[in-house]
């Protein structure tokens, strides 16, 4: 139960930091309202997640190969 509370707290803090970051960098980072910018912003989290999961998958494959090459 304690692990779930810690996880939820971390997610809430990360969400709060993201929202504060968006609020205060809005004036610094000005983007033109074009279709390319909108599509980039919408798909950026998806591509970031694909990159992260692909990286973890490749690490898992490398760890599995190392364990299978070890002799008991």
PDB file of N, CA and C in Angstrom:
ATOM      1  N   UNK A   1       0.824  -1.195   0.000  1.00  0.00           N
ATOM      2  CA  UNK A   1       0.000   0.000   0.000  1.00  0.00           C
ATOM      3  C   UNK A   1       0.866   1.256   0.000  1.00  0.00           C
ATOM      4  N   UNK A   2       1.978   1.197   0.756  1.00  0.00           N
ATOM      5  CA  UNK A   2       2.858   2.350   0.835  1.00  0.00           C
ATOM      6  C   UNK A   2       3.494   2.644  -0.522  1.00  0.00           C
ATOM      7  N   UNK A   3       3.817   1.593  -1.286  1.00  0.00           N
ATOM      8  CA  UNK A   3       4.408   1.781  -2.610  1.00  0.00           C
ATOM      9  C   UNK A   3       3.442   2.500  -3.551  1.00  0.00           C
ATOM     10  N   UNK A   4       2.159   2.174  -3.442  1.00  0.00           N
ATOM     11  CA  UNK A   4       1.163   2.821  -4.299  1.00  0.00           C
ATOM     12  C   UNK A   4       1.033   4.298  -3.963  1.00  0.00           C
ATOM     13  N   UNK A   5       1.066   4.608  -2.693  1.00  0.00           N
ATOM     14  CA  UNK A   5       0.954   6.013  -2.276  1.00  0.00           C
ATOM     15  C   UNK A   5       2.168   6.803  -2.761  1.00  0.00           C
ATOM     16  N   UNK A   6       3.348   6.215  -2.661  1.00  0.00           N
ATOM     17  CA  UNK A   6       4.561   6.885  -3.126  1.00  0.00           C
ATOM     18  C   UNK A   6       4.497   7.101  -4.634  1.00  0.00           C
ATOM     19  N   UNK A   7       4.042   6.089  -5.370  1.00  0.00           N
ATOM     20  CA  UNK A   7       3.926   6.217  -6.826  1.00  0.00           C
ATOM     21  C   UNK A   7       2.942   7.322  -7.201  1.00  0.00           C
ATOM     22  N   UNK A   8       1.787   7.355  -6.563  1.00  0.00           N
ATOM     23  CA  UNK A   8       0.780   8.382  -6.855  1.00  0.00           C
ATOM     24  C   UNK A   8       1.322   9.766  -6.518  1.00  0.00           C
ATOM     25  N   UNK A   9       2.057   9.874  -5.430  1.00  0.00           N
ATOM     26  CA  UNK A   9       2.655  11.152  -5.046  1.00  0.00           C
ATOM     27  C   UNK A   9       3.671  11.611  -6.093  1.00  0.00           C
ATOM     28  N   UNK A  10       4.493  10.690  -6.588  1.00  0.00           N
ATOM     29  CA  UNK A  10       5.468  11.036  -7.625  1.00  0.00           C
ATOM     30  C   UNK A  10       4.777  11.501  -8.901  1.00  0.00           C
ATOM     31  N   UNK A  11       3.685  10.832  -9.276  1.00  0.00           N
ATOM     32  CA  UNK A  11       2.950  11.225 -10.479  1.00  0.00           C
ATOM     33  C   UNK A  11       2.332  12.611 -10.298  1.00  0.00           C
ATOM     34  N   UNK A  12       1.779  12.882  -9.125  1.00  0.00           N
ATOM     35  CA  UNK A  12       1.189  14.196  -8.863  1.00  0.00           C
ATOM     36  C   UNK A  12       2.245  15.296  -8.899  1.00  0.00           C
ATOM     37  N   UNK A  13       3.405  15.042  -8.316  1.00  0.00           N
ATOM     38  CA  UNK A  13       4.469  16.039  -8.319  1.00  0.00           C
ATOM     39  C   UNK A  13       4.972  16.280  -9.739  1.00  0.00           C
ATOM     40  N   UNK A  14       5.147  15.214 -10.510  1.00  0.00           N
ATOM     41  CA  UNK A  14       5.600  15.366 -11.899  1.00  0.00           C
ATOM     42  C   UNK A  14       4.571  16.142 -12.717  1.00  0.00           C
ATOM     43  N   UNK A  15       3.296  15.864 -12.511  1.00  0.00           N
ATOM     44  CA  UNK A  15       2.244  16.586 -13.233  1.00  0.00           C
ATOM     45  C   UNK A  15       2.241  18.061 -12.850  1.00  0.00           C
ATOM     46  N   UNK A  16       2.416  18.334 -11.567  1.00  0.00           N
ATOM     47  CA  UNK A  16       2.440  19.716 -11.105  1.00  0.00           C
ATOM     48  C   UNK A  16       3.632  20.458 -11.705  1.00  0.00           C
ATOM     49  N   UNK A  17       4.817  19.817 -11.700  1.00  0.00           N
ATOM     50  CA  UNK A  17       5.998  20.458 -12.286  1.00  0.00           C
ATOM     51  C   UNK A  17       5.811  20.716 -13.775  1.00  0.00           C
ATOM     52  N   UNK A  18       5.212  19.775 -14.472  1.00  0.00           N
ATOM     53  CA  UNK A  18       4.955  19.959 -15.897  1.00  0.00           C
ATOM     54  C   UNK A  18       4.000  21.122 -16.138  1.00  0.00           C
ATOM     55  N   UNK A  19       2.940  21.209 -15.354  1.00  0.00           N
ATOM     56  CA  UNK A  19       1.981  22.294 -15.550  1.00  0.00           C
ATOM     57  C   UNK A  19       2.598  23.654 -15.215  1.00  0.00           C
ATOM     58  N   UNK A  20       3.413  23.719 -14.170  1.00  0.00           N
ATOM     59  CA  UNK A  20       4.096  24.974 -13.831  1.00  0.00           C
ATOM     60  C   UNK A  20       5.085  25.345 -14.933  1.00  0.00           C
ATOM     61  N   UNK A  21       5.791  24.337 -15.452  1.00  0.00           N
ATOM     62  CA  UNK A  21       6.725  24.588 -16.548  1.00  0.00           C
ATOM     63  C   UNK A  21       6.029  25.124 -17.779  1.00  0.00           C
ATOM     64  N   UNK A  22       4.901  24.553 -18.113  1.00  0.00           N
ATOM     65  CA  UNK A  22       4.148  25.022 -19.276  1.00  0.00           C
ATOM     66  C   UNK A  22       3.640  26.442 -19.057  1.00  0.00           C
ATOM     67  N   UNK A  23       3.175  26.704 -17.850  1.00  0.00           N
ATOM     68  CA  UNK A  23       2.617  28.019 -17.558  1.00  0.00           C
ATOM     69  C   UNK A  23       3.667  29.125 -17.683  1.00  0.00           C
ATOM     70  N   UNK A  24       4.866  28.886 -17.171  1.00  0.00           N
ATOM     71  CA  UNK A  24       5.860  29.953 -17.133  1.00  0.00           C
ATOM     72  C   UNK A  24       6.791  29.982 -18.343  1.00  0.00           C
ATOM     73  N   UNK A  25       6.873  28.912 -19.124  1.00  0.00           N
ATOM     74  CA  UNK A  25       7.695  28.966 -20.339  1.00  0.00           C
ATOM     75  C   UNK A  25       6.880  29.390 -21.550  1.00  0.00           C
ATOM     76  N   UNK A  26       5.605  29.580 -21.355  1.00  0.00           N
ATOM     77  CA  UNK A  26       4.734  30.010 -22.450  1.00  0.00           C
ATOM     78  C   UNK A  26       5.193  31.348 -23.025  1.00  0.00           C
ATOM     79  N   UNK A  27       5.607  32.241 -22.172  1.00  0.00           N
ATOM     80  CA  UNK A  27       5.992  33.574 -22.617  1.00  0.00           C
ATOM     81  C   UNK A  27       7.408  33.588 -23.206  1.00  0.00           C
ATOM     82  N   UNK A  28       8.236  32.642 -22.790  1.00  0.00           N
ATOM     83  CA  UNK A  28       9.610  32.579 -23.280  1.00  0.00           C
ATOM     84  C   UNK A  28       9.673  31.878 -24.633  1.00  0.00           C
ATOM     85  N   UNK A  29       8.971  30.770 -24.748  1.00  0.00           N
ATOM     86  CA  UNK A  29       9.008  29.943 -25.950  1.00  0.00           C
ATOM     87  C   UNK A  29       7.758  30.219 -26.773  1.00  0.00           C
ATOM     88  N   UNK A  30       7.904  31.061 -27.773  1.00  0.00           N
ATOM     89  CA  UNK A  30       6.773  31.428 -28.619  1.00  0.00           C
ATOM     90  C   UNK A  30       6.861  30.633 -29.922  1.00  0.00           C
ATOM     91  N   UNK A  31       5.824  29.863 -30.217  1.00  0.00           N
ATOM     92  CA  UNK A  31       5.767  29.071 -31.442  1.00  0.00           C
ATOM     93  C   UNK A  31       4.695  29.633 -32.362  1.00  0.00           C
ATOM     94  N   UNK A  32       4.988  29.591 -33.635  1.00  0.00           N
ATOM     95  CA  UNK A  32       3.996  30.029 -34.610  1.00  0.00           C
ATOM     96  C   UNK A  32       2.885  28.978 -34.696  1.00  0.00           C
ATOM     97  N   UNK A  33       1.640  29.394 -34.822  1.00  0.00           N
ATOM     98  CA  UNK A  33       0.529  28.427 -34.877  1.00  0.00           C
ATOM     99  C   UNK A  33       0.403  27.791 -36.268  1.00  0.00           C
ATOM    100  N   UNK A  34       1.280  26.847 -36.546  1.00  0.00           N
ATOM    101  CA  UNK A  34       1.233  26.151 -37.826  1.00  0.00           C
ATOM    102  C   UNK A  34       0.829  24.699 -37.608  1.00  0.00           C
ATOM    103  N   UNK A  35       0.443  24.049 -38.688  1.00  0.00           N
ATOM    104  CA  UNK A  35       0.044  22.645 -38.591  1.00  0.00           C
ATOM    105  C   UNK A  35       1.201  21.749 -38.150  1.00  0.00           C
ATOM    106  N   UNK A  36       2.388  22.011 -38.643  1.00  0.00           N
ATOM    107  CA  UNK A  36       3.559  21.197 -38.296  1.00  0.00           C
ATOM    108  C   UNK A  36       3.863  21.301 -36.802  1.00  0.00           C
ATOM    109  N   UNK A  37       3.793  22.506 -36.260  1.00  0.00           N
ATOM    110  CA  UNK A  37       4.040  22.676 -34.825  1.00  0.00           C
ATOM    111  C   UNK A  37       2.986  21.954 -33.994  1.00  0.00           C
ATOM    112  N   UNK A  38       1.740  22.031 -34.396  1.00  0.00           N
ATOM    113  CA  UNK A  38       0.672  21.366 -33.657  1.00  0.00           C
ATOM    114  C   UNK A  38       0.846  19.845 -33.690  1.00  0.00           C
ATOM    115  N   UNK A  39       1.140  19.308 -34.860  1.00  0.00           N
ATOM    116  CA  UNK A  39       1.338  17.861 -34.982  1.00  0.00           C
ATOM    117  C   UNK A  39       2.548  17.418 -34.170  1.00  0.00           C
ATOM    118  N   UNK A  40       3.618  18.206 -34.189  1.00  0.00           N
ATOM    119  CA  UNK A  40       4.817  17.871 -33.422  1.00  0.00           C
ATOM    120  C   UNK A  40       4.525  17.827 -31.933  1.00  0.00           C
ATOM    121  N   UNK A  41       3.786  18.795 -31.441  1.00  0.00           N
ATOM    122  CA  UNK A  41       3.474  18.850 -30.016  1.00  0.00           C
ATOM    123  C   UNK A  41       2.557  17.688 -29.612  1.00  0.00           C
ATOM    124  N   UNK A  42       1.620  17.334 -30.463  1.00  0.00           N
ATOM    125  CA  UNK A  42       0.691  16.256 -30.135  1.00  0.00           C
ATOM    126  C   UNK A  42       1.395  14.898 -30.128  1.00  0.00           C
ATOM    127  N   UNK A  43       2.287  14.666 -31.080  1.00  0.00           N
ATOM    128  CA  UNK A  43       2.915  13.353 -31.195  1.00  0.00           C
ATOM    129  C   UNK A  43       4.232  13.224 -30.421  1.00  0.00           C
ATOM    130  N   UNK A  44       4.767  14.288 -29.879  1.00  0.00           N
ATOM    131  CA  UNK A  44       6.037  14.225 -29.147  1.00  0.00           C
ATOM    132  C   UNK A  44       5.997  13.244 -27.970  1.00  0.00           C
ATOM    133  N   UNK A  45       4.962  13.255 -27.124  1.00  0.00           N
ATOM    134  CA  UNK A  45       4.944  12.279 -26.022  1.00  0.00           C
ATOM    135  C   UNK A  45       4.901  10.829 -26.510  1.00  0.00           C
ATOM    136  N   UNK A  46       4.193  10.585 -27.592  1.00  0.00           N
ATOM    137  CA  UNK A  46       4.111   9.237 -28.147  1.00  0.00           C
ATOM    138  C   UNK A  46       5.481   8.774 -28.628  1.00  0.00           C
ATOM    139  N   UNK A  47       6.179   9.631 -29.356  1.00  0.00           N
ATOM    140  CA  UNK A  47       7.503   9.267 -29.858  1.00  0.00           C
ATOM    141  C   UNK A  47       8.501   9.102 -28.720  1.00  0.00           C
ATOM    142  N   UNK A  48       8.377   9.923 -27.688  1.00  0.00           N
ATOM    143  CA  UNK A  48       9.263   9.789 -26.534  1.00  0.00           C
ATOM    144  C   UNK A  48       9.030   8.446 -25.838  1.00  0.00           C
ATOM    145  N   UNK A  49       7.778   8.046 -25.709  1.00  0.00           N
ATOM    146  CA  UNK A  49       7.472   6.763 -25.066  1.00  0.00           C
ATOM    147  C   UNK A  49       7.959   5.599 -25.916  1.00  0.00           C
ATOM    148  N   UNK A  50       7.810   5.692 -27.227  1.00  0.00           N
ATOM    149  CA  UNK A  50       8.314   4.639 -28.119  1.00  0.00           C
ATOM    150  C   UNK A  50       9.831   4.523 -27.982  1.00  0.00           C
ATOM    151  N   UNK A  51      10.524   5.642 -27.937  1.00  0.00           N
ATOM    152  CA  UNK A  51      11.983   5.617 -27.797  1.00  0.00           C
ATOM    153  C   UNK A  51      12.386   5.003 -26.461  1.00  0.00           C
ATOM    154  N   UNK A  52      11.706   5.380 -25.389  1.00  0.00           N
ATOM    155  CA  UNK A  52      12.029   4.855 -24.066  1.00  0.00           C
ATOM    156  C   UNK A  52      11.767   3.355 -23.987  1.00  0.00           C
ATOM    157  N   UNK A  53      10.610   2.917 -24.461  1.00  0.00           N
ATOM    158  CA  UNK A  53      10.288   1.487 -24.404  1.00  0.00           C
ATOM    159  C   UNK A  53      11.191   0.670 -25.323  1.00  0.00           C
ATOM    160  N   UNK A  54      11.555   1.215 -26.465  1.00  0.00           N
ATOM    161  CA  UNK A  54      12.488   0.530 -27.355  1.00  0.00           C
ATOM    162  C   UNK A  54      13.854   0.379 -26.717  1.00  0.00           C
ATOM    163  N   UNK A  55      14.303   1.416 -26.026  1.00  0.00           N
ATOM    164  CA  UNK A  55      15.579   1.366 -25.328  1.00  0.00           C
ATOM    165  C   UNK A  55      15.551   0.312 -24.223  1.00  0.00           C
ATOM    166  N   UNK A  56      14.464   0.276 -23.456  1.00  0.00           N
ATOM    167  CA  UNK A  56      14.337  -0.732 -22.398  1.00  0.00           C
ATOM    168  C   UNK A  56      14.277  -2.139 -22.987  1.00  0.00           C
ATOM    169  N   UNK A  57      13.607  -2.299 -24.111  1.00  0.00           N
ATOM    170  CA  UNK A  57      13.517  -3.601 -24.775  1.00  0.00           C
ATOM    171  C   UNK A  57      14.902  -4.072 -25.219  1.00  0.00           C
ATOM    172  N   UNK A  58      15.682  -3.171 -25.797  1.00  0.00           N
ATOM    173  CA  UNK A  58      17.032  -3.535 -26.226  1.00  0.00           C
ATOM    174  C   UNK A  58      17.917  -3.888 -25.036  1.00  0.00           C
ATOM    175  N   UNK A  59      17.762  -3.191 -23.935  1.00  0.00           N
ATOM    176  CA  UNK A  59      18.507  -3.536 -22.727  1.00  0.00           C
ATOM    177  C   UNK A  59      18.123  -4.923 -22.232  1.00  0.00           C
ATOM    178  N   UNK A  60      16.842  -5.240 -22.279  1.00  0.00           N
ATOM    179  CA  UNK A  60      16.365  -6.545 -21.828  1.00  0.00           C
ATOM    180  C   UNK A  60      16.921  -7.660 -22.708  1.00  0.00           C
ATOM    181  N   UNK A  61      16.962  -7.416 -24.007  1.00  0.00           N
ATOM    182  CA  UNK A  61      17.522  -8.422 -24.924  1.00  0.00           C
ATOM    183  C   UNK A  61      19.001  -8.643 -24.613  1.00  0.00           C
ATOM    184  N   UNK A  62      19.758  -7.564 -24.383  1.00  0.00           N
ATOM    185  CA  UNK A  62      21.179  -7.692 -24.069  1.00  0.00           C
ATOM    186  C   UNK A  62      21.392  -8.423 -22.749  1.00  0.00           C
ATOM    187  N   UNK A  63      20.572  -8.144 -21.746  1.00  0.00           N
ATOM    188  CA  UNK A  63      20.698  -8.831 -20.458  1.00  0.00           C
ATOM    189  C   UNK A  63      20.362 -10.304 -20.591  1.00  0.00           C
ATOM    190  N   UNK A  64      19.388 -10.651 -21.419  1.00  0.00           N
ATOM    191  CA  UNK A  64      19.015 -12.043 -21.627  1.00  0.00           C
ATOM    192  C   UNK A  64      20.128 -12.802 -22.335  1.00  0.00           C
ATOM    193  N   UNK A  65      20.765 -12.160 -23.312  1.00  0.00           N
ATOM    194  CA  UNK A  65      21.869 -12.804 -24.023  1.00  0.00           C
ATOM    195  C   UNK A  65      23.058 -13.036 -23.105  1.00  0.00           C
ATOM    196  N   UNK A  66      23.339 -12.098 -22.232  1.00  0.00           N
ATOM    197  CA  UNK A  66      24.462 -12.244 -21.306  1.00  0.00           C
ATOM    198  C   UNK A  66      24.192 -13.401 -20.349  1.00  0.00           C
ATOM    199  N   UNK A  67      22.970 -13.494 -19.839  1.00  0.00           N
ATOM    200  CA  UNK A  67      22.636 -14.571 -18.906  1.00  0.00           C
ATOM    201  C   UNK A  67      22.662 -15.932 -19.588  1.00  0.00           C
ATOM    202  N   UNK A  68      22.244 -16.001 -20.863  1.00  0.00           N
ATOM    203  CA  UNK A  68      22.220 -17.282 -21.562  1.00  0.00           C
ATOM    204  C   UNK A  68      23.622 -17.735 -21.938  1.00  0.00           C
ATOM    205  N   UNK A  69      24.585 -16.799 -22.077  1.00  0.00           N
ATOM    206  CA  UNK A  69      25.955 -17.161 -22.413  1.00  0.00           C
ATOM    207  C   UNK A  69      26.755 -17.608 -21.203  1.00  0.00           C
ATOM    208  N   UNK A  70      26.284 -17.301 -20.007  1.00  0.00           N
ATOM    209  CA  UNK A  70      26.990 -17.706 -18.799  1.00  0.00           C
ATOM    210  C   UNK A  70      26.782 -19.190 -18.562  1.00  0.00           C
ATOM    211  N   UNK A  71      27.845 -19.868 -18.178  1.00  0.00           N
ATOM    212  CA  UNK A  71      27.752 -21.296 -17.893  1.00  0.00           C
ATOM    213  C   UNK A  71      27.660 -21.490 -16.388  1.00  0.00           C
ATOM    214  N   UNK A  72      26.810 -22.416 -15.956  1.00  0.00           N
ATOM    215  CA  UNK A  72      26.654 -22.633 -14.500  1.00  0.00           C
ATOM    216  C   UNK A  72      27.861 -23.242 -13.847  1.00  0.00           C
TER     217      UNK A  72
END
